[in-house]
Amino acid sequence: MASGATSPGGDGARRARGAGGGASSEAARAGRGVIYIAFAKFYFMVAGFVLEIGLRATLGTTPYGAYGVVNSLVSPFNNVLVTGTIQAVSRFGSQRPEAAAAVQRAGLRMHLFVGLALAVAFAAMAPVTASLFHDQAKTGPIMLAALIVAAYSFYSVFVGTANGRREFHKQAGLDIGAATTRMICILGLAAAGFGLYGAIGGWAAAAIIMLLVSTVVVGLPRRGAAGAGHPTQDLRPMVGFFIGVSVYLILLNFIMVADQLLLKRLSAEWYAASGADALAALRPHAPAWLMARLGAIDPAHAADGQVGYYRAVQTLARISYQAIIAATFVVFPLVSRSTFENDRGATARYIRTTVRYSLIFATGIAIVMAANPVHILSIPFQPDDAAFGAPALVALALGNVAFSVFAIAGTILNGAGMTRHAIAVALLTLVAAAAANLIVIPMFTPGRSLLLACGAATAGAMVLGAAAGGFVLHRQLGAFLPPVSLVRVALAAAAAVAVGRVIPLSSAIGTIAESVVVGAVFLVALIVTRELGPADLSALTRVVRKKGGGAA
């Protein structure tokens, strides 16, 4: 609980005495939360990266692309259930800590009607969904993926309970366990020879396992009669908030996969319409072994191959976004609390700090990829992935910096209860991404240029979304990223990329060394331009010092 500094009641003297200690305690707790969840998200990111590399090597380009198509279909719905539920349970639980058990029970009841219903509908629509992508062979894997939706809907209630209680160590532990279990199950069944069904079935098995684990780690809600000493939680406001947030989240998640899904459908149509002429057009630009492979498969499989190459690029480019997800989990309950208490000063500080550090961190990751895309791609993936996807990696890596800012802005708006504004920004971004890809994909033959066109179209939409989100945040809550910070970060990024381009090193060790140099140049440029200074170092030192103890 917060001290008198943030309590609605209490006299002026008490507020004056408690202000410094309360703010320090809250900052320390938030700082520890950032460390716990940042580590868990980093682990989750690394585990997911290892999973993608392992699947690419185990399945091959075309089956890996097929997995990507099913993943892109189920992930928006699954992510909506997980994130929407965590935010709903966290919001109501953090506002009324004494009612945490009641909120948890309400969340579990909610998914008897929402999560299960969505899973059944997802499975029932599988034949129709597969036909939209001209690939009826995807019907079975899509139906199997419905189990993922059902299991994670309930699992996320327990994670949201931990987040609302600010038990960030439990949330971090569940994240690590989920990442590990998912990686082992998916890779294990895929390597055992079960192919696409094994990969999707392993994911479903991991979701069920983590649901059982979460009931032990967080605990089932205790039953208690309504009345004094037993707070209750009305299901209707939680469902209403969940639905509002879910509309935003489903838009956000489709922004992330719209290009991949459109690439699958439109590439299949291109192969089907062009036939032998399509292969002839590719012949001057592709190696003989690839031409032989494409000539032996049907249009649906050929389109899966394009998705496979593009997914490898997306896996790397999305690291910057994944790296700042920890900030969204921590800032959400803080903004929810500060806006609930009408503390505009605290809200503005949370906004400026979170957006600024997220921009710096995401940019620092993206510039490493933009400086040497071919060799960065070739380290974890295959040589043909690097040959086809390098230009697209530059566009998507930089675009995902903007997407990181967009995601932070949307999280803050949702935490402040301004869901309609978040939805409007996300809808604008999704429409822009879909329209841009619908225009550019038919303009190019499958291959290097097509992947770059998809990446550039998506990146442009992400920049638009970040700008729109910043405008709405500043207008509604009076704070966003200081313009001078944006200029300084952009200058530092340009300097770092320029240095990376003039010292090309092709070996794996050389590429890693170059990446370190690029990151160092970026950091030095930030210090020289005074974007980072002693105050930032002092803040980081305080957070690290408080990690093992301090005020609680």
Protein backbone atom coordinates (compact mmCIF):
# COMPACT_ATOMS: atom_id res chain seq x y z
CA MET A 1 0.00 0.00 0.00
CA ALA A 2 1.10 3.57 -0.58
CA SER A 3 1.90 5.80 2.35
CA GLY A 4 0.08 8.93 3.38
CA ALA A 5 1.79 10.77 0.55
CA THR A 6 -0.56 9.22 -1.95
CA SER A 7 -3.56 8.59 0.25
CA PRO A 8 -6.71 10.64 -0.35
CA GLY A 9 -6.97 11.34 3.38
CA GLY A 10 -4.58 12.63 6.07
CA ASP A 11 -3.66 16.14 7.17
CA GLY A 12 -1.09 18.42 5.60
CA ALA A 13 1.65 17.72 8.14
CA ARG A 14 1.33 13.99 7.63
CA ARG A 15 1.48 14.45 3.88
CA ALA A 16 4.59 16.61 4.19
CA ARG A 17 6.36 14.07 6.41
CA GLY A 18 5.34 11.09 4.27
CA ALA A 19 5.86 12.57 0.83
CA GLY A 20 9.55 11.88 0.52
CA GLY A 21 9.46 8.44 2.13
CA GLY A 22 6.34 7.36 0.28
CA ALA A 23 7.68 8.44 -3.08
CA SER A 24 11.02 6.78 -2.38
CA SER A 25 9.34 3.55 -1.29
CA GLU A 26 7.10 3.52 -4.35
CA ALA A 27 10.03 4.25 -6.65
CA ALA A 28 12.12 1.51 -5.06
CA ARG A 29 9.30 -1.00 -5.37
CA ALA A 30 8.73 -0.02 -8.98
CA GLY A 31 12.47 -0.24 -9.60
CA ARG A 32 12.64 -3.74 -8.20
CA GLY A 33 9.62 -4.64 -10.29
CA VAL A 34 11.40 -3.39 -13.40
CA ILE A 35 14.44 -5.51 -12.57
CA TYR A 36 12.43 -8.67 -11.86
CA ILE A 37 10.22 -8.40 -14.91
CA ALA A 38 12.96 -7.04 -17.15
CA PHE A 39 15.04 -10.12 -16.40
CA ALA A 40 12.04 -12.39 -16.98
CA LYS A 41 11.19 -10.67 -20.24
CA PHE A 42 14.80 -10.82 -21.32
CA TYR A 43 14.79 -14.53 -20.59
CA PHE A 44 11.46 -14.91 -22.39
CA MET A 45 12.88 -13.05 -25.36
CA VAL A 46 16.03 -15.19 -25.46
CA ALA A 47 14.02 -18.40 -25.08
CA GLY A 48 11.69 -17.31 -27.87
CA PHE A 49 14.67 -16.46 -30.03
CA VAL A 50 16.22 -19.87 -29.40
CA LEU A 51 12.86 -21.46 -30.21
CA GLU A 52 12.61 -19.68 -33.54
CA ILE A 53 16.18 -20.57 -34.51
CA GLY A 54 15.66 -24.18 -33.46
CA LEU A 55 12.41 -24.49 -35.40
CA ARG A 56 13.95 -22.90 -38.49
CA ALA A 57 16.80 -25.43 -38.38
CA THR A 58 14.56 -28.38 -37.49
CA LEU A 59 11.63 -27.81 -39.83
CA GLY A 60 13.23 -26.04 -42.80
CA THR A 61 12.08 -22.85 -44.53
CA THR A 62 8.66 -23.91 -45.81
CA PRO A 63 7.37 -25.82 -42.72
CA TYR A 64 8.79 -23.02 -40.57
CA GLY A 65 6.75 -20.58 -42.62
CA ALA A 66 3.69 -22.80 -42.15
CA TYR A 67 4.25 -22.64 -38.38
CA GLY A 68 4.55 -18.87 -38.73
CA VAL A 69 1.17 -18.65 -40.43
CA VAL A 70 -0.61 -20.62 -37.68
CA ASN A 71 1.31 -18.72 -35.02
CA SER A 72 0.27 -15.41 -36.58
CA LEU A 73 -3.36 -16.50 -36.55
CA VAL A 74 -3.51 -17.69 -32.95
CA SER A 75 -1.13 -15.17 -31.36
CA PRO A 76 -3.37 -12.08 -31.69
CA PHE A 77 -6.22 -13.82 -29.88
CA ASN A 78 -3.96 -15.51 -27.36
CA ASN A 79 -2.04 -12.32 -26.63
CA VAL A 80 -5.27 -10.38 -26.27
CA LEU A 81 -6.57 -12.83 -23.68
CA VAL A 82 -3.28 -12.88 -21.78
CA THR A 83 -2.49 -9.15 -21.76
CA GLY A 84 -6.12 -8.03 -21.48
CA THR A 85 -6.74 -10.34 -18.55
CA ILE A 86 -3.51 -9.35 -16.79
CA GLN A 87 -4.39 -5.68 -17.16
CA ALA A 88 -8.01 -6.16 -16.06
CA VAL A 89 -7.14 -8.22 -12.99
CA SER A 90 -4.17 -5.98 -12.17
CA ARG A 91 -6.21 -2.79 -12.51
CA PHE A 92 -9.03 -3.84 -10.19
CA GLY A 93 -6.67 -5.63 -7.83
CA SER A 94 -4.24 -2.69 -7.50
CA GLN A 95 -7.07 -0.22 -6.90
CA ARG A 96 -8.51 -2.38 -4.08
CA PRO A 97 -5.72 -4.55 -2.65
CA GLU A 98 -8.04 -5.89 0.04
CA ALA A 99 -10.27 -7.38 -2.68
CA ALA A 100 -7.51 -9.21 -4.57
CA ALA A 101 -9.04 -12.65 -3.96
CA ALA A 102 -12.47 -11.46 -5.10
CA VAL A 103 -10.94 -9.95 -8.24
CA GLN A 104 -9.16 -13.23 -8.94
CA ARG A 105 -12.41 -15.21 -8.60
CA ALA A 106 -14.15 -12.76 -10.92
CA GLY A 107 -11.39 -13.17 -13.50
CA LEU A 108 -11.72 -16.96 -13.49
CA ARG A 109 -15.52 -16.71 -13.83
CA MET A 110 -15.10 -14.26 -16.69
CA HIS A 111 -13.18 -16.76 -18.78
CA LEU A 112 -15.78 -19.45 -18.36
CA PHE A 113 -17.78 -17.22 -20.71
CA VAL A 114 -15.04 -15.39 -22.65
CA GLY A 115 -11.90 -17.53 -22.92
CA LEU A 116 -13.62 -20.86 -23.47
CA ALA A 117 -16.12 -19.37 -25.90
CA LEU A 118 -13.37 -17.77 -27.95
CA ALA A 119 -11.40 -21.04 -28.04
CA VAL A 120 -14.45 -22.97 -29.29
CA ALA A 121 -15.18 -20.32 -31.92
CA PHE A 122 -11.53 -20.32 -33.04
CA ALA A 123 -11.63 -24.08 -33.58
CA ALA A 124 -15.02 -23.99 -35.32
CA MET A 125 -13.84 -21.31 -37.76
CA ALA A 126 -10.66 -23.18 -38.68
CA PRO A 127 -11.90 -24.43 -42.10
CA VAL A 128 -13.02 -20.94 -43.07
CA THR A 129 -9.80 -19.36 -41.83
CA ALA A 130 -7.68 -21.85 -43.77
CA SER A 131 -9.62 -21.15 -46.95
CA LEU A 132 -8.89 -17.44 -46.64
CA PHE A 133 -5.23 -18.28 -47.10
CA HIS A 134 -5.85 -20.78 -49.92
CA ASP A 135 -4.48 -23.58 -47.73
CA GLN A 136 -6.95 -26.15 -46.36
CA ALA A 137 -4.04 -28.16 -44.93
CA LYS A 138 -3.87 -25.56 -42.15
CA THR A 139 -7.35 -26.53 -40.80
CA GLY A 140 -6.09 -29.20 -38.38
CA PRO A 141 -3.23 -27.18 -36.87
CA ILE A 142 -5.52 -24.18 -36.41
CA MET A 143 -8.07 -26.32 -34.57
CA LEU A 144 -5.34 -27.72 -32.33
CA ALA A 145 -4.18 -24.18 -31.53
CA ALA A 146 -7.56 -23.49 -29.90
CA LEU A 147 -6.28 -25.37 -26.84
CA ILE A 148 -3.62 -22.68 -26.45
CA VAL A 149 -6.28 -19.97 -26.31
CA ALA A 150 -8.31 -21.83 -23.68
CA ALA A 151 -5.42 -22.66 -21.34
CA TYR A 152 -3.75 -19.25 -21.42
CA SER A 153 -7.01 -17.41 -20.73
CA PHE A 154 -7.15 -18.93 -17.24
CA TYR A 155 -3.39 -18.86 -16.70
CA SER A 156 -3.33 -15.11 -17.26
CA VAL A 157 -5.74 -14.56 -14.35
CA PHE A 158 -3.08 -15.85 -11.98
CA VAL A 159 -0.37 -13.70 -13.58
CA GLY A 160 -2.64 -10.64 -13.34
CA THR A 161 -3.28 -11.39 -9.68
CA ALA A 162 0.46 -11.40 -8.99
CA ASN A 163 0.90 -8.15 -10.94
CA GLY A 164 -1.96 -6.42 -9.11
CA ARG A 165 -0.49 -7.44 -5.76
CA ARG A 166 2.86 -6.14 -7.07
CA GLU A 167 4.34 -9.58 -6.48
CA PHE A 168 6.60 -9.03 -9.45
CA HIS A 169 8.92 -11.86 -8.42
CA LYS A 170 6.08 -14.36 -8.86
CA GLN A 171 5.10 -12.88 -12.20
CA ALA A 172 8.72 -13.05 -13.31
CA GLY A 173 8.99 -16.68 -12.21
CA LEU A 174 5.89 -17.64 -14.16
CA ASP A 175 7.21 -15.84 -17.25
CA ILE A 176 10.48 -17.75 -17.04
CA GLY A 177 8.70 -21.05 -16.48
CA ALA A 178 6.33 -20.42 -19.38
CA ALA A 179 9.17 -19.56 -21.75
CA THR A 180 11.18 -22.61 -20.78
CA THR A 181 8.27 -25.04 -20.94
CA ARG A 182 7.09 -23.70 -24.29
CA MET A 183 10.56 -23.94 -25.82
CA ILE A 184 11.13 -27.51 -24.61
CA CYS A 185 7.69 -28.81 -25.63
CA ILE A 186 7.62 -27.22 -29.08
CA LEU A 187 11.18 -28.08 -30.05
CA GLY A 188 10.91 -31.54 -28.54
CA LEU A 189 7.84 -32.59 -30.51
CA ALA A 190 9.04 -30.90 -33.70
CA ALA A 191 12.42 -32.64 -33.46
CA ALA A 192 10.67 -35.95 -32.78
CA GLY A 193 9.32 -35.80 -36.33
CA PHE A 194 5.79 -34.54 -35.72
CA GLY A 195 6.36 -31.44 -37.83
CA LEU A 196 3.79 -28.65 -37.74
CA TYR A 197 1.36 -30.64 -35.61
CA GLY A 198 4.14 -31.33 -33.13
CA ALA A 199 5.07 -27.66 -32.86
CA ILE A 200 1.49 -26.52 -32.27
CA GLY A 201 0.72 -29.48 -29.99
CA GLY A 202 3.84 -28.74 -27.93
CA TRP A 203 2.69 -25.16 -27.49
CA ALA A 204 -0.72 -26.35 -26.28
CA ALA A 205 0.87 -28.81 -23.85
CA ALA A 206 3.09 -26.05 -22.43
CA ALA A 207 0.07 -23.79 -21.89
CA ILE A 208 -1.76 -26.50 -19.94
CA ILE A 209 1.31 -27.25 -17.82
CA MET A 210 1.77 -23.57 -16.91
CA LEU A 211 -1.90 -23.22 -15.97
CA LEU A 212 -1.40 -25.97 -13.38
CA VAL A 213 1.85 -24.45 -12.16
CA SER A 214 0.32 -20.99 -11.74
CA THR A 215 -2.37 -22.33 -9.40
CA VAL A 216 0.44 -23.43 -7.06
CA VAL A 217 2.67 -20.34 -7.38
CA VAL A 218 -0.05 -17.70 -7.02
CA GLY A 219 -2.66 -19.83 -5.26
CA LEU A 220 -6.35 -20.38 -5.84
CA PRO A 221 -8.62 -17.66 -4.44
CA ARG A 222 -10.03 -18.46 -1.04
CA ARG A 223 -13.75 -18.80 -0.87
CA GLY A 224 -15.51 -16.37 1.43
CA ALA A 225 -19.03 -15.16 1.97
CA ALA A 226 -19.94 -11.65 0.93
CA GLY A 227 -20.11 -9.10 3.71
CA ALA A 228 -17.82 -7.56 6.28
CA GLY A 229 -14.30 -8.86 5.96
CA HIS A 230 -14.97 -10.46 2.58
CA PRO A 231 -14.86 -7.87 -0.21
CA THR A 232 -16.56 -8.77 -3.48
CA GLN A 233 -15.92 -7.84 -7.09
CA ASP A 234 -18.76 -7.26 -9.53
CA LEU A 235 -18.05 -9.13 -12.75
CA ARG A 236 -19.62 -6.53 -15.05
CA PRO A 237 -17.07 -3.70 -14.72
CA MET A 238 -14.21 -6.17 -15.13
CA VAL A 239 -15.75 -7.69 -18.25
CA GLY A 240 -16.46 -4.20 -19.58
CA PHE A 241 -12.87 -3.11 -19.02
CA PHE A 242 -11.55 -6.37 -20.47
CA ILE A 243 -13.62 -5.98 -23.62
CA GLY A 244 -12.51 -2.38 -24.06
CA VAL A 245 -8.85 -3.23 -23.58
CA SER A 246 -9.22 -6.34 -25.76
CA VAL A 247 -10.42 -4.31 -28.71
CA TYR A 248 -7.25 -2.25 -28.45
CA LEU A 249 -5.04 -5.30 -27.94
CA ILE A 250 -6.43 -7.25 -30.86
CA LEU A 251 -5.73 -4.25 -33.07
CA LEU A 252 -2.20 -3.99 -31.67
CA ASN A 253 -1.49 -7.68 -32.22
CA PHE A 254 -2.82 -7.66 -35.77
CA ILE A 255 -0.53 -4.72 -36.49
CA MET A 256 2.31 -7.11 -35.67
CA VAL A 257 1.14 -9.89 -37.99
CA ALA A 258 -0.84 -8.14 -40.74
CA ASP A 259 2.14 -8.06 -43.08
CA GLN A 260 2.91 -11.75 -42.54
CA LEU A 261 -0.70 -12.85 -43.10
CA LEU A 262 -1.10 -10.67 -46.19
CA LEU A 263 2.23 -11.95 -47.49
CA LYS A 264 0.93 -15.51 -47.16
CA ARG A 265 -2.38 -14.89 -48.93
CA LEU A 266 -1.14 -12.61 -51.71
CA SER A 267 1.98 -14.68 -52.39
CA ALA A 268 -0.17 -17.80 -52.75
CA GLU A 269 -2.36 -15.95 -55.22
CA TRP A 270 0.70 -14.76 -57.13
CA TYR A 271 2.13 -18.27 -57.40
CA ALA A 272 -1.24 -19.72 -58.41
CA ALA A 273 -1.79 -17.08 -61.08
CA SER A 274 1.72 -17.06 -62.48
CA GLY A 275 2.62 -20.76 -62.35
CA ALA A 276 5.63 -21.55 -64.47
CA ASP A 277 6.05 -17.89 -65.41
CA ALA A 278 6.50 -17.04 -61.72
CA LEU A 279 9.31 -19.54 -61.35
CA ALA A 280 10.92 -18.25 -64.51
CA ALA A 281 10.85 -14.71 -63.13
CA LEU A 282 12.59 -15.88 -59.98
CA ARG A 283 15.29 -17.89 -61.78
CA PRO A 284 17.77 -15.00 -62.35
CA HIS A 285 17.54 -13.95 -58.68
CA ALA A 286 17.61 -17.27 -56.80
CA PRO A 287 20.08 -20.16 -56.52
CA ALA A 288 19.42 -23.37 -58.43
CA TRP A 289 18.68 -25.42 -55.30
CA LEU A 290 15.96 -22.96 -54.32
CA MET A 291 14.44 -23.05 -57.80
CA ALA A 292 14.33 -26.83 -57.65
CA ARG A 293 12.58 -26.70 -54.30
CA LEU A 294 10.02 -24.13 -55.41
CA GLY A 295 9.31 -26.01 -58.62
CA ALA A 296 8.34 -29.12 -56.65
CA ILE A 297 5.76 -27.52 -54.37
CA ASP A 298 2.33 -25.99 -54.78
CA PRO A 299 1.41 -22.29 -54.40
CA ALA A 300 0.41 -22.65 -50.73
CA HIS A 301 3.77 -24.19 -49.86
CA ALA A 302 5.65 -21.62 -51.92
CA ALA A 303 3.88 -18.85 -50.01
CA ASP A 304 4.87 -20.54 -46.75
CA GLY A 305 8.47 -20.26 -47.93
CA GLN A 306 8.15 -16.49 -48.32
CA VAL A 307 6.64 -16.28 -44.85
CA GLY A 308 9.52 -18.38 -43.52
CA TYR A 309 12.12 -15.91 -44.78
CA TYR A 310 10.13 -12.93 -43.54
CA ARG A 311 9.52 -14.49 -40.12
CA ALA A 312 13.26 -14.85 -39.59
CA VAL A 313 13.58 -11.10 -40.18
CA GLN A 314 10.67 -10.33 -37.86
CA THR A 315 12.16 -12.46 -35.11
CA LEU A 316 15.27 -10.28 -34.98
CA ALA A 317 13.56 -6.96 -35.66
CA ARG A 318 11.06 -7.44 -32.84
CA ILE A 319 13.73 -7.77 -30.16
CA SER A 320 13.61 -4.03 -29.43
CA TYR A 321 9.87 -4.17 -28.79
CA GLN A 322 10.11 -7.31 -26.68
CA ALA A 323 12.87 -5.76 -24.62
CA ILE A 324 10.62 -2.92 -23.38
CA ILE A 325 7.56 -5.05 -22.58
CA ALA A 326 8.74 -5.15 -18.97
CA ALA A 327 8.16 -1.41 -18.76
CA THR A 328 4.53 -1.80 -19.84
CA PHE A 329 3.81 -4.33 -17.08
CA VAL A 330 5.27 -2.04 -14.43
CA VAL A 331 3.92 1.29 -15.65
CA PHE A 332 0.35 0.01 -16.08
CA PRO A 333 -0.53 -0.43 -12.38
CA LEU A 334 1.38 2.75 -11.49
CA VAL A 335 -0.55 4.91 -13.99
CA SER A 336 -3.78 3.16 -13.07
CA ARG A 337 -3.21 4.08 -9.42
CA SER A 338 -2.05 7.66 -10.04
CA THR A 339 -4.97 8.48 -12.37
CA PHE A 340 -7.42 6.80 -9.98
CA GLU A 341 -6.11 9.19 -7.29
CA ASN A 342 -6.03 12.11 -9.77
CA ASP A 343 -2.30 12.65 -9.23
CA ARG A 344 -1.42 14.32 -12.55
CA GLY A 345 2.12 15.13 -11.43
CA ALA A 346 2.97 11.48 -10.76
CA THR A 347 1.28 10.42 -13.99
CA ALA A 348 3.33 12.91 -16.02
CA ARG A 349 6.56 11.70 -14.40
CA TYR A 350 5.72 8.06 -15.15
CA ILE A 351 4.97 8.94 -18.77
CA ARG A 352 8.08 10.99 -19.49
CA THR A 353 10.43 8.56 -17.75
CA THR A 354 8.98 5.39 -19.26
CA VAL A 355 8.77 6.70 -22.84
CA ARG A 356 12.21 8.27 -22.78
CA TYR A 357 14.07 5.26 -21.43
CA SER A 358 12.10 2.89 -23.65
CA LEU A 359 13.04 4.92 -26.73
CA ILE A 360 16.73 4.91 -25.79
CA PHE A 361 16.80 1.21 -25.00
CA ALA A 362 14.84 0.13 -28.10
CA THR A 363 16.95 2.33 -30.38
CA GLY A 364 20.16 0.93 -28.92
CA ILE A 365 19.08 -2.55 -29.97
CA ALA A 366 17.75 -1.57 -33.39
CA ILE A 367 20.85 0.28 -34.57
CA VAL A 368 22.99 -2.83 -34.14
CA MET A 369 20.80 -4.59 -36.73
CA ALA A 370 20.60 -1.58 -39.03
CA ALA A 371 24.39 -1.17 -39.07
CA ASN A 372 25.17 -4.69 -40.32
CA PRO A 373 21.96 -6.54 -41.28
CA VAL A 374 23.45 -9.28 -43.46
CA HIS A 375 25.91 -10.60 -40.94
CA ILE A 376 23.58 -10.11 -37.97
CA LEU A 377 20.95 -12.27 -39.71
CA SER A 378 23.47 -14.90 -40.78
CA ILE A 379 24.61 -15.63 -37.22
CA PRO A 380 21.36 -17.21 -35.94
CA PHE A 381 19.71 -18.08 -39.24
CA GLN A 382 20.65 -19.59 -42.61
CA PRO A 383 22.66 -17.83 -45.35
CA ASP A 384 19.61 -17.59 -47.61
CA ASP A 385 17.66 -15.90 -44.79
CA ALA A 386 20.36 -13.22 -44.67
CA ALA A 387 20.53 -12.88 -48.46
CA PHE A 388 16.79 -12.41 -48.84
CA GLY A 389 15.95 -10.57 -45.63
CA ALA A 390 18.78 -8.12 -44.89
CA PRO A 391 17.16 -5.00 -46.43
CA ALA A 392 13.85 -5.80 -44.73
CA LEU A 393 15.67 -6.13 -41.38
CA VAL A 394 16.86 -2.51 -41.55
CA ALA A 395 13.33 -1.24 -42.14
CA LEU A 396 11.66 -3.46 -39.54
CA ALA A 397 14.31 -2.92 -36.87
CA LEU A 398 13.87 0.85 -37.01
CA GLY A 399 10.11 0.50 -37.37
CA ASN A 400 9.93 -1.55 -34.19
CA VAL A 401 11.50 1.32 -32.25
CA ALA A 402 8.46 3.37 -33.20
CA PHE A 403 6.23 0.41 -32.39
CA SER A 404 7.79 0.25 -28.91
CA VAL A 405 6.84 3.87 -28.29
CA PHE A 406 3.38 3.21 -29.71
CA ALA A 407 2.93 0.25 -27.33
CA ILE A 408 4.02 2.28 -24.31
CA ALA A 409 1.60 5.06 -25.23
CA GLY A 410 -1.28 2.61 -25.61
CA THR A 411 -0.50 0.95 -22.29
CA ILE A 412 -0.50 4.29 -20.50
CA LEU A 413 -3.79 5.34 -22.10
CA ASN A 414 -5.38 2.05 -21.07
CA GLY A 415 -3.96 2.34 -17.56
CA ALA A 416 -5.50 5.82 -17.30
CA GLY A 417 -8.88 4.46 -18.38
CA MET A 418 -8.72 6.16 -21.81
CA THR A 419 -9.33 2.98 -23.74
CA ARG A 420 -11.25 4.63 -26.57
CA HIS A 421 -8.31 6.88 -27.36
CA ALA A 422 -5.96 3.88 -27.40
CA ILE A 423 -8.34 2.02 -29.71
CA ALA A 424 -8.54 4.97 -32.11
CA VAL A 425 -4.74 5.19 -32.40
CA ALA A 426 -4.38 1.41 -32.85
CA LEU A 427 -7.13 1.30 -35.49
CA LEU A 428 -5.43 4.07 -37.44
CA THR A 429 -2.14 2.19 -37.32
CA LEU A 430 -3.63 -1.15 -38.35
CA VAL A 431 -5.52 0.37 -41.26
CA ALA A 432 -2.33 2.07 -42.41
CA ALA A 433 -0.32 -1.17 -42.12
CA ALA A 434 -2.90 -3.28 -43.95
CA ALA A 435 -3.47 -0.71 -46.69
CA ALA A 436 0.24 -0.20 -47.27
CA ASN A 437 0.91 -3.94 -47.54
CA LEU A 438 -2.11 -4.52 -49.77
CA ILE A 439 -0.70 -1.91 -52.13
CA VAL A 440 2.97 -2.93 -52.18
CA ILE A 441 2.85 -6.75 -52.07
CA PRO A 442 1.25 -7.17 -55.53
CA MET A 443 3.84 -4.78 -56.95
CA PHE A 444 6.79 -7.14 -56.39
CA THR A 445 7.70 -10.69 -57.28
CA PRO A 446 8.50 -12.97 -54.31
CA GLY A 447 12.02 -12.53 -53.01
CA ARG A 448 14.31 -9.86 -51.61
CA SER A 449 12.44 -6.82 -52.94
CA LEU A 450 9.07 -8.12 -51.75
CA LEU A 451 10.34 -8.67 -48.21
CA LEU A 452 11.80 -5.15 -48.14
CA ALA A 453 8.52 -3.70 -49.40
CA CYS A 454 6.59 -5.48 -46.64
CA GLY A 455 9.05 -4.31 -44.00
CA ALA A 456 9.03 -0.70 -45.18
CA ALA A 457 5.23 -0.56 -45.40
CA THR A 458 4.87 -1.92 -41.88
CA ALA A 459 7.58 0.35 -40.48
CA GLY A 460 5.89 3.41 -41.95
CA ALA A 461 2.62 2.48 -40.28
CA MET A 462 4.43 2.00 -36.94
CA VAL A 463 5.95 5.48 -37.15
CA LEU A 464 2.49 6.89 -37.80
CA GLY A 465 1.13 5.01 -34.79
CA ALA A 466 3.88 6.30 -32.48
CA ALA A 467 3.26 9.89 -33.58
CA ALA A 468 -0.49 9.57 -33.12
CA GLY A 469 -0.07 7.93 -29.71
CA GLY A 470 2.27 10.68 -28.55
CA PHE A 471 -0.12 13.38 -29.72
CA VAL A 472 -3.04 11.84 -27.82
CA LEU A 473 -0.97 11.28 -24.66
CA HIS A 474 0.22 14.87 -24.61
CA ARG A 475 -3.26 16.20 -25.28
CA GLN A 476 -5.02 14.06 -22.67
CA LEU A 477 -2.43 13.69 -19.90
CA GLY A 478 -0.11 16.61 -20.60
CA ALA A 479 3.12 14.68 -21.07
CA PHE A 480 5.05 12.66 -23.60
CA LEU A 481 8.58 12.41 -24.94
CA PRO A 482 10.42 15.76 -24.85
CA PRO A 483 11.16 16.77 -28.49
CA VAL A 484 14.80 17.45 -27.65
CA SER A 485 15.17 13.84 -26.50
CA LEU A 486 13.85 12.56 -29.83
CA VAL A 487 16.34 14.72 -31.73
CA ARG A 488 19.27 13.67 -29.56
CA VAL A 489 18.44 9.97 -29.79
CA ALA A 490 18.04 10.22 -33.57
CA LEU A 491 21.42 11.95 -33.93
CA ALA A 492 23.11 9.37 -31.71
CA ALA A 493 21.52 6.53 -33.70
CA ALA A 494 22.63 8.03 -37.03
CA ALA A 495 26.20 8.39 -35.77
CA ALA A 496 26.29 4.81 -34.49
CA VAL A 497 24.91 3.33 -37.73
CA ALA A 498 27.36 5.38 -39.80
CA VAL A 499 30.29 4.03 -37.79
CA GLY A 500 28.95 0.48 -38.18
CA ARG A 501 28.69 0.83 -41.94
CA VAL A 502 32.32 1.91 -42.35
CA ILE A 503 33.78 -0.95 -40.30
CA PRO A 504 32.19 -4.04 -41.87
CA LEU A 505 33.35 -7.26 -40.25
CA SER A 506 32.05 -10.48 -41.76
CA SER A 507 32.97 -13.18 -39.25
CA ALA A 508 30.73 -14.03 -36.32
CA ILE A 509 33.25 -12.70 -33.81
CA GLY A 510 33.83 -9.63 -35.94
CA THR A 511 30.10 -8.97 -36.18
CA ILE A 512 29.74 -9.19 -32.40
CA ALA A 513 32.70 -6.86 -31.95
CA GLU A 514 31.21 -4.40 -34.42
CA SER A 515 27.91 -4.53 -32.55
CA VAL A 516 29.69 -3.61 -29.32
CA VAL A 517 31.38 -0.68 -31.07
CA VAL A 518 28.06 0.52 -32.51
CA GLY A 519 26.43 0.35 -29.09
CA ALA A 520 29.33 2.18 -27.49
CA VAL A 521 29.20 4.97 -30.08
CA PHE A 522 25.46 5.32 -29.45
CA LEU A 523 26.01 5.58 -25.69
CA VAL A 524 28.83 8.08 -26.04
CA ALA A 525 26.75 10.19 -28.42
CA LEU A 526 23.91 10.27 -25.90
CA ILE A 527 26.32 11.44 -23.20
CA VAL A 528 27.92 14.05 -25.46
CA THR A 529 24.52 15.47 -26.43
CA ARG A 530 23.56 15.41 -22.71
CA GLU A 531 20.62 13.13 -23.28
CA LEU A 532 22.14 10.89 -20.62
CA GLY A 533 23.74 12.53 -17.62
CA PRO A 534 24.64 12.11 -13.96
CA ALA A 535 20.97 12.15 -12.94
CA ASP A 536 20.26 9.09 -15.10
CA LEU A 537 23.25 7.22 -13.68
CA SER A 538 22.20 8.17 -10.15
CA ALA A 539 18.65 6.92 -10.74
CA LEU A 540 19.92 3.61 -12.09
CA THR A 541 22.32 3.24 -9.16
CA ARG A 542 19.50 3.83 -6.66
CA VAL A 543 17.32 1.18 -8.29
CA VAL A 544 20.13 -1.40 -8.30
CA ARG A 545 21.05 -0.56 -4.70
CA LYS A 546 17.44 -1.02 -3.61
CA LYS A 547 17.11 -4.37 -5.38
CA GLY A 548 18.08 -6.54 -2.47
CA GLY A 549 16.56 -4.45 0.28
CA GLY A 550 15.64 -0.91 1.06
CA ALA A 551 12.25 0.54 1.75
CA ALA A 552 9.29 -1.64 0.98
